[in-house]
């Protein structure tokens, strides 16, 4: 079996057990409560309905009705 060497920092990291394992709970809604649609637009996203419309339009362009 091969010997394994670790540094003091690694040993400290592996032996020091944190007393806190997660951050404080952040409230889901802030003072300025945005609607879902506003939050989606704020991060340049699209809603599921818009995505569905985009897919339908793309399919109609690729496979036109005869």
PDB file of N, CA and C in Angstrom:
ATOM      1  N   UNK A   1       0.841  -1.177   0.000  1.00  0.00           N
ATOM      2  CA  UNK A   1       0.000   0.000   0.000  1.00  0.00           C
ATOM      3  C   UNK A   1       0.888   1.242   0.000  1.00  0.00           C
ATOM      4  N   UNK A   2       0.487   2.221  -0.789  1.00  0.00           N
ATOM      5  CA  UNK A   2       1.264   3.444  -0.929  1.00  0.00           C
ATOM      6  C   UNK A   2       1.016   4.376   0.257  1.00  0.00           C
ATOM      7  N   UNK A   3       2.086   4.989   0.757  1.00  0.00           N
ATOM      8  CA  UNK A   3       1.939   5.927   1.863  1.00  0.00           C
ATOM      9  C   UNK A   3       1.333   7.222   1.362  1.00  0.00           C
ATOM     10  N   UNK A   4       0.524   7.822   2.191  1.00  0.00           N
ATOM     11  CA  UNK A   4      -0.158   9.055   1.834  1.00  0.00           C
ATOM     12  C   UNK A   4       0.274  10.150   2.782  1.00  0.00           C
ATOM     13  N   UNK A   5       0.730  11.268   2.227  1.00  0.00           N
ATOM     14  CA  UNK A   5       1.158  12.400   3.037  1.00  0.00           C
ATOM     15  C   UNK A   5       0.170  13.541   2.842  1.00  0.00           C
ATOM     16  N   UNK A   6      -0.142  14.212   3.941  1.00  0.00           N
ATOM     17  CA  UNK A   6      -1.017  15.375   3.846  1.00  0.00           C
ATOM     18  C   UNK A   6      -0.357  16.554   4.547  1.00  0.00           C
ATOM     19  N   UNK A   7      -0.763  17.740   4.136  1.00  0.00           N
ATOM     20  CA  UNK A   7      -0.197  18.944   4.737  1.00  0.00           C
ATOM     21  C   UNK A   7      -0.913  19.257   6.039  1.00  0.00           C
ATOM     22  N   UNK A   8      -0.345  20.199   6.803  1.00  0.00           N
ATOM     23  CA  UNK A   8      -0.975  20.600   8.054  1.00  0.00           C
ATOM     24  C   UNK A   8      -2.349  21.224   7.801  1.00  0.00           C
ATOM     25  N   UNK A   9      -2.470  21.992   6.706  1.00  0.00           N
ATOM     26  CA  UNK A   9      -3.755  22.606   6.381  1.00  0.00           C
ATOM     27  C   UNK A   9      -4.808  21.536   6.089  1.00  0.00           C
ATOM     28  N   UNK A  10      -4.413  20.503   5.352  1.00  0.00           N
ATOM     29  CA  UNK A  10      -5.343  19.417   5.056  1.00  0.00           C
ATOM     30  C   UNK A  10      -5.744  18.666   6.315  1.00  0.00           C
ATOM     31  N   UNK A  11      -4.787  18.447   7.199  1.00  0.00           N
ATOM     32  CA  UNK A  11      -5.086  17.773   8.456  1.00  0.00           C
ATOM     33  C   UNK A  11      -6.044  18.601   9.295  1.00  0.00           C
ATOM     34  N   UNK A  12      -5.801  19.903   9.354  1.00  0.00           N
ATOM     35  CA  UNK A  12      -6.695  20.784  10.106  1.00  0.00           C
ATOM     36  C   UNK A  12      -8.094  20.786   9.500  1.00  0.00           C
ATOM     37  N   UNK A  13      -8.163  20.824   8.181  1.00  0.00           N
ATOM     38  CA  UNK A  13      -9.456  20.805   7.502  1.00  0.00           C
ATOM     39  C   UNK A  13     -10.211  19.514   7.801  1.00  0.00           C
ATOM     40  N   UNK A  14      -9.511  18.385   7.808  1.00  0.00           N
ATOM     41  CA  UNK A  14     -10.154  17.103   8.015  1.00  0.00           C
ATOM     42  C   UNK A  14     -10.522  16.838   9.471  1.00  0.00           C
ATOM     43  N   UNK A  15      -9.851  17.497  10.412  1.00  0.00           N
ATOM     44  CA  UNK A  15     -10.115  17.225  11.822  1.00  0.00           C
ATOM     45  C   UNK A  15     -10.973  18.289  12.494  1.00  0.00           C
ATOM     46  N   UNK A  16     -11.011  19.508  11.962  1.00  0.00           N
ATOM     47  CA  UNK A  16     -11.828  20.568  12.536  1.00  0.00           C
ATOM     48  C   UNK A  16     -13.265  20.409  12.062  1.00  0.00           C
ATOM     49  N   UNK A  17     -14.161  20.115  12.973  1.00  0.00           N
ATOM     50  CA  UNK A  17     -15.565  19.945  12.623  1.00  0.00           C
ATOM     51  C   UNK A  17     -16.277  21.277  12.862  1.00  0.00           C
ATOM     52  N   UNK A  18     -16.919  21.832  11.835  1.00  0.00           N
ATOM     53  CA  UNK A  18     -17.584  23.125  12.015  1.00  0.00           C
ATOM     54  C   UNK A  18     -18.777  22.997  12.960  1.00  0.00           C
ATOM     55  N   UNK A  19     -19.039  24.073  13.685  1.00  0.00           N
ATOM     56  CA  UNK A  19     -20.193  24.060  14.583  1.00  0.00           C
ATOM     57  C   UNK A  19     -21.463  24.415  13.831  1.00  0.00           C
ATOM     58  N   UNK A  20     -21.315  25.074  12.688  1.00  0.00           N
ATOM     59  CA  UNK A  20     -22.474  25.472  11.898  1.00  0.00           C
ATOM     60  C   UNK A  20     -22.315  24.890  10.497  1.00  0.00           C
ATOM     61  N   UNK A  21     -23.314  24.179  10.034  1.00  0.00           N
ATOM     62  CA  UNK A  21     -23.190  23.532   8.738  1.00  0.00           C
ATOM     63  C   UNK A  21     -23.986  24.206   7.643  1.00  0.00           C
ATOM     64  N   UNK A  22     -24.755  25.249   7.977  1.00  0.00           N
ATOM     65  CA  UNK A  22     -25.506  25.940   6.946  1.00  0.00           C
ATOM     66  C   UNK A  22     -25.624  27.417   7.290  1.00  0.00           C
ATOM     67  N   UNK A  23     -25.995  28.190   6.299  1.00  0.00           N
ATOM     68  CA  UNK A  23     -26.168  29.614   6.516  1.00  0.00           C
ATOM     69  C   UNK A  23     -27.517  29.878   7.164  1.00  0.00           C
ATOM     70  N   UNK A  24     -27.694  31.109   7.634  1.00  0.00           N
ATOM     71  CA  UNK A  24     -28.978  31.493   8.212  1.00  0.00           C
ATOM     72  C   UNK A  24     -30.067  31.385   7.159  1.00  0.00           C
ATOM     73  N   UNK A  25     -31.258  31.111   7.618  1.00  0.00           N
ATOM     74  CA  UNK A  25     -32.394  31.000   6.719  1.00  0.00           C
ATOM     75  C   UNK A  25     -32.732  32.386   6.189  1.00  0.00           C
ATOM     76  N   UNK A  26     -32.845  32.484   4.866  1.00  0.00           N
ATOM     77  CA  UNK A  26     -33.185  33.742   4.228  1.00  0.00           C
ATOM     78  C   UNK A  26     -34.654  33.691   3.854  1.00  0.00           C
ATOM     79  N   UNK A  27     -35.408  34.714   4.216  1.00  0.00           N
ATOM     80  CA  UNK A  27     -36.829  34.681   3.841  1.00  0.00           C
ATOM     81  C   UNK A  27     -36.998  34.625   2.333  1.00  0.00           C
ATOM     82  N   UNK A  28     -37.985  33.864   1.875  1.00  0.00           N
ATOM     83  CA  UNK A  28     -38.196  33.670   0.447  1.00  0.00           C
ATOM     84  C   UNK A  28     -38.603  34.965  -0.232  1.00  0.00           C
ATOM     85  N   UNK A  29     -39.496  35.711   0.383  1.00  0.00           N
ATOM     86  CA  UNK A  29     -39.956  36.953  -0.225  1.00  0.00           C
ATOM     87  C   UNK A  29     -39.337  38.131   0.497  1.00  0.00           C
ATOM     88  N   UNK A  30     -38.844  39.056  -0.257  1.00  0.00           N
ATOM     89  CA  UNK A  30     -38.254  40.256   0.317  1.00  0.00           C
ATOM     90  C   UNK A  30     -39.318  41.333   0.430  1.00  0.00           C
ATOM     91  N   UNK A  31     -38.907  42.477   0.936  1.00  0.00           N
ATOM     92  CA  UNK A  31     -39.852  43.576   1.116  1.00  0.00           C
ATOM     93  C   UNK A  31     -40.517  43.961  -0.199  1.00  0.00           C
ATOM     94  N   UNK A  32     -39.719  44.060  -1.247  1.00  0.00           N
ATOM     95  CA  UNK A  32     -40.300  44.379  -2.551  1.00  0.00           C
ATOM     96  C   UNK A  32     -40.689  43.058  -3.214  1.00  0.00           C
ATOM     97  N   UNK A  33     -41.893  42.628  -2.954  1.00  0.00           N
ATOM     98  CA  UNK A  33     -42.334  41.337  -3.455  1.00  0.00           C
ATOM     99  C   UNK A  33     -42.594  41.418  -4.952  1.00  0.00           C
ATOM    100  N   UNK A  34     -41.781  40.702  -5.706  1.00  0.00           N
ATOM    101  CA  UNK A  34     -41.960  40.649  -7.148  1.00  0.00           C
ATOM    102  C   UNK A  34     -42.845  39.460  -7.486  1.00  0.00           C
ATOM    103  N   UNK A  35     -43.600  39.615  -8.540  1.00  0.00           N
ATOM    104  CA  UNK A  35     -44.371  38.478  -9.017  1.00  0.00           C
ATOM    105  C   UNK A  35     -43.408  37.508  -9.703  1.00  0.00           C
ATOM    106  N   UNK A  36     -43.890  36.314  -9.955  1.00  0.00           N
ATOM    107  CA  UNK A  36     -43.048  35.319 -10.615  1.00  0.00           C
ATOM    108  C   UNK A  36     -42.598  35.810 -11.983  1.00  0.00           C
ATOM    109  N   UNK A  37     -43.528  36.404 -12.734  1.00  0.00           N
ATOM    110  CA  UNK A  37     -43.196  36.884 -14.077  1.00  0.00           C
ATOM    111  C   UNK A  37     -42.138  37.986 -14.017  1.00  0.00           C
ATOM    112  N   UNK A  38     -42.232  38.888 -13.031  1.00  0.00           N
ATOM    113  CA  UNK A  38     -41.237  39.952 -12.895  1.00  0.00           C
ATOM    114  C   UNK A  38     -39.874  39.370 -12.539  1.00  0.00           C
ATOM    115  N   UNK A  39     -39.857  38.376 -11.684  1.00  0.00           N
ATOM    116  CA  UNK A  39     -38.596  37.740 -11.314  1.00  0.00           C
ATOM    117  C   UNK A  39     -37.966  37.036 -12.504  1.00  0.00           C
ATOM    118  N   UNK A  40     -38.799  36.411 -13.333  1.00  0.00           N
ATOM    119  CA  UNK A  40     -38.286  35.724 -14.531  1.00  0.00           C
ATOM    120  C   UNK A  40     -37.692  36.744 -15.485  1.00  0.00           C
ATOM    121  N   UNK A  41     -38.410  37.837 -15.720  1.00  0.00           N
ATOM    122  CA  UNK A  41     -37.900  38.873 -16.626  1.00  0.00           C
ATOM    123  C   UNK A  41     -36.627  39.511 -16.082  1.00  0.00           C
ATOM    124  N   UNK A  42     -36.519  39.635 -14.762  1.00  0.00           N
ATOM    125  CA  UNK A  42     -35.341  40.253 -14.147  1.00  0.00           C
ATOM    126  C   UNK A  42     -34.076  39.448 -14.413  1.00  0.00           C
ATOM    127  N   UNK A  43     -34.211  38.136 -14.574  1.00  0.00           N
ATOM    128  CA  UNK A  43     -33.025  37.314 -14.842  1.00  0.00           C
ATOM    129  C   UNK A  43     -32.971  36.851 -16.295  1.00  0.00           C
ATOM    130  N   UNK A  44     -33.669  37.586 -17.171  1.00  0.00           N
ATOM    131  CA  UNK A  44     -33.674  37.293 -18.605  1.00  0.00           C
ATOM    132  C   UNK A  44     -34.158  35.879 -18.904  1.00  0.00           C
ATOM    133  N   UNK A  45     -35.127  35.410 -18.147  1.00  0.00           N
ATOM    134  CA  UNK A  45     -35.688  34.084 -18.364  1.00  0.00           C
ATOM    135  C   UNK A  45     -37.035  34.189 -19.061  1.00  0.00           C
ATOM    136  N   UNK A  46     -37.615  33.028 -19.325  1.00  0.00           N
ATOM    137  CA  UNK A  46     -38.951  33.000 -19.916  1.00  0.00           C
ATOM    138  C   UNK A  46     -39.819  32.065 -19.092  1.00  0.00           C
ATOM    139  N   UNK A  47     -41.114  32.306 -19.128  1.00  0.00           N
ATOM    140  CA  UNK A  47     -42.038  31.447 -18.392  1.00  0.00           C
ATOM    141  C   UNK A  47     -42.278  30.162 -19.179  1.00  0.00           C
ATOM    142  N   UNK A  48     -42.911  29.204 -18.530  1.00  0.00           N
ATOM    143  CA  UNK A  48     -43.217  27.942 -19.187  1.00  0.00           C
ATOM    144  C   UNK A  48     -44.173  28.150 -20.353  1.00  0.00           C
ATOM    145  N   UNK A  49     -45.142  29.073 -20.185  1.00  0.00           N
ATOM    146  CA  UNK A  49     -46.083  29.355 -21.278  1.00  0.00           C
ATOM    147  C   UNK A  49     -45.356  29.921 -22.498  1.00  0.00           C
ATOM    148  N   UNK A  50     -44.419  30.857 -22.258  1.00  0.00           N
ATOM    149  CA  UNK A  50     -43.658  31.444 -23.365  1.00  0.00           C
ATOM    150  C   UNK A  50     -42.788  30.391 -24.036  1.00  0.00           C
ATOM    151  N   UNK A  51     -42.178  29.519 -23.235  1.00  0.00           N
ATOM    152  CA  UNK A  51     -41.363  28.449 -23.789  1.00  0.00           C
ATOM    153  C   UNK A  51     -42.216  27.540 -24.670  1.00  0.00           C
ATOM    154  N   UNK A  52     -43.421  27.215 -24.192  1.00  0.00           N
ATOM    155  CA  UNK A  52     -44.324  26.365 -24.958  1.00  0.00           C
ATOM    156  C   UNK A  52     -44.701  27.024 -26.281  1.00  0.00           C
ATOM    157  N   UNK A  53     -44.992  28.333 -26.240  1.00  0.00           N
ATOM    158  CA  UNK A  53     -45.323  29.050 -27.479  1.00  0.00           C
ATOM    159  C   UNK A  53     -44.138  29.061 -28.440  1.00  0.00           C
ATOM    160  N   UNK A  54     -42.937  29.272 -27.906  1.00  0.00           N
ATOM    161  CA  UNK A  54     -41.740  29.288 -28.758  1.00  0.00           C
ATOM    162  C   UNK A  54     -41.527  27.934 -29.426  1.00  0.00           C
ATOM    163  N   UNK A  55     -41.722  26.848 -28.687  1.00  0.00           N
ATOM    164  CA  UNK A  55     -41.564  25.508 -29.254  1.00  0.00           C
ATOM    165  C   UNK A  55     -42.615  25.265 -30.332  1.00  0.00           C
ATOM    166  N   UNK A  56     -43.870  25.647 -30.055  1.00  0.00           N
ATOM    167  CA  UNK A  56     -44.929  25.479 -31.054  1.00  0.00           C
ATOM    168  C   UNK A  56     -44.614  26.251 -32.328  1.00  0.00           C
ATOM    169  N   UNK A  57     -44.149  27.501 -32.189  1.00  0.00           N
ATOM    170  CA  UNK A  57     -43.789  28.305 -33.364  1.00  0.00           C
ATOM    171  C   UNK A  57     -42.645  27.662 -34.144  1.00  0.00           C
ATOM    172  N   UNK A  58     -41.658  27.149 -33.429  1.00  0.00           N
ATOM    173  CA  UNK A  58     -40.520  26.515 -34.097  1.00  0.00           C
ATOM    174  C   UNK A  58     -40.956  25.267 -34.855  1.00  0.00           C
ATOM    175  N   UNK A  59     -41.829  24.485 -34.260  1.00  0.00           N
ATOM    176  CA  UNK A  59     -42.321  23.270 -34.937  1.00  0.00           C
ATOM    177  C   UNK A  59     -43.118  23.656 -36.170  1.00  0.00           C
ATOM    178  N   UNK A  60     -43.956  24.690 -36.054  1.00  0.00           N
ATOM    179  CA  UNK A  60     -44.743  25.119 -37.224  1.00  0.00           C
ATOM    180  C   UNK A  60     -43.844  25.626 -38.345  1.00  0.00           C
ATOM    181  N   UNK A  61     -42.742  26.273 -38.022  1.00  0.00           N
ATOM    182  CA  UNK A  61     -41.814  26.740 -39.061  1.00  0.00           C
ATOM    183  C   UNK A  61     -41.097  25.575 -39.712  1.00  0.00           C
ATOM    184  N   UNK A  62     -40.728  24.556 -38.911  1.00  0.00           N
ATOM    185  CA  UNK A  62     -40.007  23.413 -39.465  1.00  0.00           C
ATOM    186  C   UNK A  62     -40.919  22.465 -40.233  1.00  0.00           C
ATOM    187  N   UNK A  63     -42.128  22.264 -39.737  1.00  0.00           N
ATOM    188  CA  UNK A  63     -43.082  21.354 -40.370  1.00  0.00           C
ATOM    189  C   UNK A  63     -44.353  22.129 -40.648  1.00  0.00           C
ATOM    190  N   UNK A  64     -44.386  22.857 -41.761  1.00  0.00           N
ATOM    191  CA  UNK A  64     -45.593  23.639 -42.053  1.00  0.00           C
ATOM    192  C   UNK A  64     -46.780  22.735 -42.366  1.00  0.00           C
ATOM    193  N   UNK A  65     -47.962  23.222 -42.036  1.00  0.00           N
ATOM    194  CA  UNK A  65     -49.184  22.461 -42.343  1.00  0.00           C
ATOM    195  C   UNK A  65     -49.402  22.473 -43.853  1.00  0.00           C
ATOM    196  N   UNK A  66     -49.912  21.365 -44.385  1.00  0.00           N
ATOM    197  CA  UNK A  66     -50.108  21.275 -45.835  1.00  0.00           C
ATOM    198  C   UNK A  66     -51.496  21.622 -46.221  1.00  0.00           C
TER     199      UNK A  66
END
